[in-house]
Amino acid sequence: MTEIKEHMSIVGKDGVPVGTVDHVEGDRIKLTKKDNPPGHEGHHHYIDKKLVGSIEGDVIKLTVNGDAAPRTEKSGEGV
């Protein structure tokens, strides 16, 4: 997944925005903090790269709907 770059948009297969790439760490995409839901400000969330379906330009399209995209916190536990 060398095509994944900083500041790319991530959307679900339904087109719902999920977040913006901060950078890639191992097998996970680190999201920018500005995309965190209320109550989760101040730390990063991650999405597993296995959920990437395609990359079109600067948009990463997932294999799951945006509202179903599992985001994990730094500890690796579910949100």
C-alpha atoms as a PDB file:
ATOM      1  CA  MET A   1       0.000   0.000   0.000  1.00  0.00           C
ATOM      2  CA  THR A   2       2.752   2.424  -0.905  1.00  0.00           C
ATOM      3  CA  GLU A   3       0.106   4.509  -2.734  1.00  0.00           C
ATOM      4  CA  ILE A   4      -1.360   5.665   0.590  1.00  0.00           C
ATOM      5  CA  LYS A   5      -0.091   9.166   1.290  1.00  0.00           C
ATOM      6  CA  GLU A   6      -0.544  11.817   3.946  1.00  0.00           C
ATOM      7  CA  HIS A   7      -3.738  13.922   3.668  1.00  0.00           C
ATOM      8  CA  MET A   8      -5.623  11.457   1.445  1.00  0.00           C
ATOM      9  CA  SER A   9      -9.362  11.246   2.135  1.00  0.00           C
ATOM     10  CA  ILE A  10     -10.881   7.970   3.320  1.00  0.00           C
ATOM     11  CA  VAL A  11     -14.487   7.134   2.447  1.00  0.00           C
ATOM     12  CA  GLY A  12     -16.659   4.100   3.012  1.00  0.00           C
ATOM     13  CA  LYS A  13     -17.972   2.049   0.088  1.00  0.00           C
ATOM     14  CA  ASP A  14     -21.146   4.129   0.445  1.00  0.00           C
ATOM     15  CA  GLY A  15     -19.185   7.367  -0.042  1.00  0.00           C
ATOM     16  CA  VAL A  16     -19.528   8.469   3.605  1.00  0.00           C
ATOM     17  CA  PRO A  17     -16.350  10.253   4.811  1.00  0.00           C
ATOM     18  CA  VAL A  18     -14.357   8.320   7.409  1.00  0.00           C
ATOM     19  CA  GLY A  19     -11.303  10.523   7.888  1.00  0.00           C
ATOM     20  CA  THR A  20      -8.016  11.822   6.547  1.00  0.00           C
ATOM     21  CA  VAL A  21      -4.692   9.982   6.468  1.00  0.00           C
ATOM     22  CA  ASP A  22      -2.074  11.231   8.918  1.00  0.00           C
ATOM     23  CA  HIS A  23       0.318   8.450   7.886  1.00  0.00           C
ATOM     24  CA  VAL A  24       0.703   4.668   7.722  1.00  0.00           C
ATOM     25  CA  GLU A  25       1.991   2.707  10.725  1.00  0.00           C
ATOM     26  CA  GLY A  26       2.611  -0.947   9.916  1.00  0.00           C
ATOM     27  CA  ASP A  27      -0.689  -2.520   8.840  1.00  0.00           C
ATOM     28  CA  ARG A  28      -2.821   0.429   9.959  1.00  0.00           C
ATOM     29  CA  ILE A  29      -3.710   3.842   8.589  1.00  0.00           C
ATOM     30  CA  LYS A  30      -3.390   6.541  11.221  1.00  0.00           C
ATOM     31  CA  LEU A  31      -6.146   9.158  10.935  1.00  0.00           C
ATOM     32  CA  THR A  32      -5.691  12.839  11.665  1.00  0.00           C
ATOM     33  CA  LYS A  33      -6.985  14.000  15.049  1.00  0.00           C
ATOM     34  CA  LYS A  34      -9.289  16.585  13.457  1.00  0.00           C
ATOM     35  CA  ASP A  35     -11.542  13.771  12.190  1.00  0.00           C
ATOM     36  CA  ASN A  36     -12.205  12.295  15.632  1.00  0.00           C
ATOM     37  CA  PRO A  37     -15.784  12.079  16.848  1.00  0.00           C
ATOM     38  CA  PRO A  38     -16.836  14.159  19.886  1.00  0.00           C
ATOM     39  CA  GLY A  39     -15.379  12.757  23.077  1.00  0.00           C
ATOM     40  CA  HIS A  40     -12.353  11.324  21.294  1.00  0.00           C
ATOM     41  CA  GLU A  41     -10.391  14.495  20.634  1.00  0.00           C
ATOM     42  CA  GLY A  42      -6.703  14.635  21.443  1.00  0.00           C
ATOM     43  CA  HIS A  43      -5.570  11.239  20.202  1.00  0.00           C
ATOM     44  CA  HIS A  44      -5.340   9.358  16.926  1.00  0.00           C
ATOM     45  CA  HIS A  45      -7.542   6.585  15.576  1.00  0.00           C
ATOM     46  CA  TYR A  46      -6.554   3.898  13.093  1.00  0.00           C
ATOM     47  CA  ILE A  47      -8.107   1.834  10.311  1.00  0.00           C
ATOM     48  CA  ASP A  48      -6.718  -1.539   9.283  1.00  0.00           C
ATOM     49  CA  LYS A  49      -5.278  -1.519   5.761  1.00  0.00           C
ATOM     50  CA  LYS A  50      -7.161  -4.773   5.062  1.00  0.00           C
ATOM     51  CA  LEU A  51     -10.295  -2.627   4.721  1.00  0.00           C
ATOM     52  CA  VAL A  52      -8.911  -0.710   1.713  1.00  0.00           C
ATOM     53  CA  GLY A  53     -10.867  -1.658  -1.394  1.00  0.00           C
ATOM     54  CA  SER A  54      -9.381   0.763  -3.911  1.00  0.00           C
ATOM     55  CA  ILE A  55      -7.503   4.005  -4.297  1.00  0.00           C
ATOM     56  CA  GLU A  56      -8.788   6.524  -6.813  1.00  0.00           C
ATOM     57  CA  GLY A  57      -6.678   9.649  -7.081  1.00  0.00           C
ATOM     58  CA  ASP A  58      -6.346  11.022  -3.556  1.00  0.00           C
ATOM     59  CA  VAL A  59      -9.333   9.077  -2.202  1.00  0.00           C
ATOM     60  CA  ILE A  60      -9.128   5.734  -0.397  1.00  0.00           C
ATOM     61  CA  LYS A  61     -12.333   3.712  -0.736  1.00  0.00           C
ATOM     62  CA  LEU A  62     -12.999   1.097   1.925  1.00  0.00           C
ATOM     63  CA  THR A  63     -14.741  -2.263   1.547  1.00  0.00           C
ATOM     64  CA  VAL A  64     -17.210  -1.354   4.322  1.00  0.00           C
ATOM     65  CA  ASN A  65     -19.692   1.504   4.719  1.00  0.00           C
ATOM     66  CA  GLY A  66     -18.357   4.637   6.371  1.00  0.00           C
ATOM     67  CA  ASP A  67     -20.421   4.297   9.523  1.00  0.00           C
ATOM     68  CA  ALA A  68     -19.329   0.660   9.893  1.00  0.00           C
ATOM     69  CA  ALA A  69     -15.593   1.305   9.509  1.00  0.00           C
ATOM     70  CA  PRO A  70     -13.991   0.040  12.717  1.00  0.00           C
ATOM     71  CA  ARG A  71     -11.666   2.647  14.178  1.00  0.00           C
ATOM     72  CA  THR A  72      -9.184   1.698  16.843  1.00  0.00           C
ATOM     73  CA  GLU A  73      -7.306   3.894  19.272  1.00  0.00           C
ATOM     74  CA  LYS A  74      -3.575   3.907  19.790  1.00  0.00           C
ATOM     75  CA  SER A  75      -3.797   1.049  22.262  1.00  0.00           C
ATOM     76  CA  GLY A  76      -5.353  -1.068  19.522  1.00  0.00           C
ATOM     77  CA  GLU A  77      -8.650  -1.422  21.364  1.00  0.00           C
ATOM     78  CA  GLY A  78     -11.945  -0.705  19.643  1.00  0.00           C
ATOM     79  CA  VAL A  79     -13.643   2.657  20.010  1.00  0.00           C
END
